Amino acid sequence: SETDKLASIVEENGENYSVGERQMLCMARALLRQAKIVIMDEATAAMDHETDQNLQRVIREEFATSTVLTIAHRLDTVLDTDRILVFDQGKVVQCDAPAALVNAGTGIFFDLCQEGGYLDKVKIAE
């Protein structure tokens, strides 16, 4: 049952947990260790939208003083970050705050935001 999950045996590589559950366990471990550097590689890819949003809120609140490196394909995961690195064929082609990249009016990040309908969600710097 769900109430016994914390007392359950964890099989090798966490095989008895879903991908989303394993991601949540890793996040809990980082929280308990009070990690100063957190690397998340598509951490929310296997989660439903509601769980993804909740996890993003926890990351913003609990790791506010940590360095969080997020590798993501979902733009809404990184729109409120301090800096965005855009890679193209293994090379950094853009690096700046999301608003600055959007305000440039051109570039890969701008194009992705425009195509995905995210331009209005990026805090436009005045």
Foldseek 3Di string as FASTA:
>chain_A
DVVCVVVDDQPVVSVVDDLLVVLVVVVVVCLVVVDQEAEAEQSCVPDDPVVLVVVLVCCCPRNVNHHYHYHDPDVVSPLPPQWDFDDDPRDTPDIGHNQVVCVVVDDDSVVVCVVVVNSVVRPHDD
